[in-house]
Amino acid sequence: MPYEGLIAETVQINGHEGTQIDAYLARPLGAGPVGSVVLIHHMPGWDAASKEMARKLAYNGFATISPNLHFREGKGSPTENSTSIREAGGMPDVRTMGDVAASMDYLRSLPYVNGKVGLIGFCSGGRQTYLGACTLDNVNAAVDCWGGGVTKGNDELTPAMPAWPIDFTDGLSCPMLGLFGEEDGRPSPADVAETEAELKRLNKNYEFHMYPGAGHGFFAVDRPSYHQEAATDGWEKVISFFGKHLS
């Protein structure tokens, strides 16, 4: 049931190693209890699009927090922060997982949530969602939206990102939904097929959907990559998936 009333605000959480960072919290009004979600933003940063998606999830009944994973860069805009991150060799996986775990703890501390927490991420956040679902404790559901770099593909390892998330697939203990575009280059259909083969080999609970005609970032209403048919169907699948596993 959609919630007409919701509250959205910036809060502070104690992230990796106790460092205080900003996070955007959107929640439906009402007594609850409701399921909750950590939204892992894309490489362009903690931007208006990410916050809008957090509000969309709250409207559909999920308390959603999106931590500013680029907060420590301290620049004036999401674009400047993400440029700084790229120049430094990418987001450090250890720190990102620390911030995501802290976000999960924050959600579970709230009086109106039911204790179940899902992860959803886009682009680099999709990769981080996969990694989190396989390595963090007590994840109840995970949605990988076109996460690149889960497999080797055309990438190389870096000190910040020293392993391929696919290598941790054996640790996946929650259901996973994956949404991908057939015209995407990262992850390519071949990358997605490699990931799916590993999930199948290990008998994991997953469902992947590949959308014809859609490329990278097909949820992005503010970009040329927006693909209305795929985005509409994809959001329906996300809401249904979280409704099933987080209620």
Foldseek 3Di string as FASTA:
>chain_A
DFAPAKDKDWDWFQFAPRNIFIKIKMAGDDQAQFFAEEEEEALLWPDPVSNVVCNVVRRLTYTYMYTGLLRVVVDDDSNVSSVVQVVVPHAQLNRVLRRVVRVLVVVCPDNRYDSAYAYEYAACSLQSQLLNQLPPPRHAEYERELYFQLDPQVHDADNRRHDRSLVSLLSRDYEYEYEFEQAEVGVHPVNVVVSVVSCVVSVHHYYYDYHYPAYGPCLDPPDPRPDPVSNVVVVVVVSVRCVVGRD
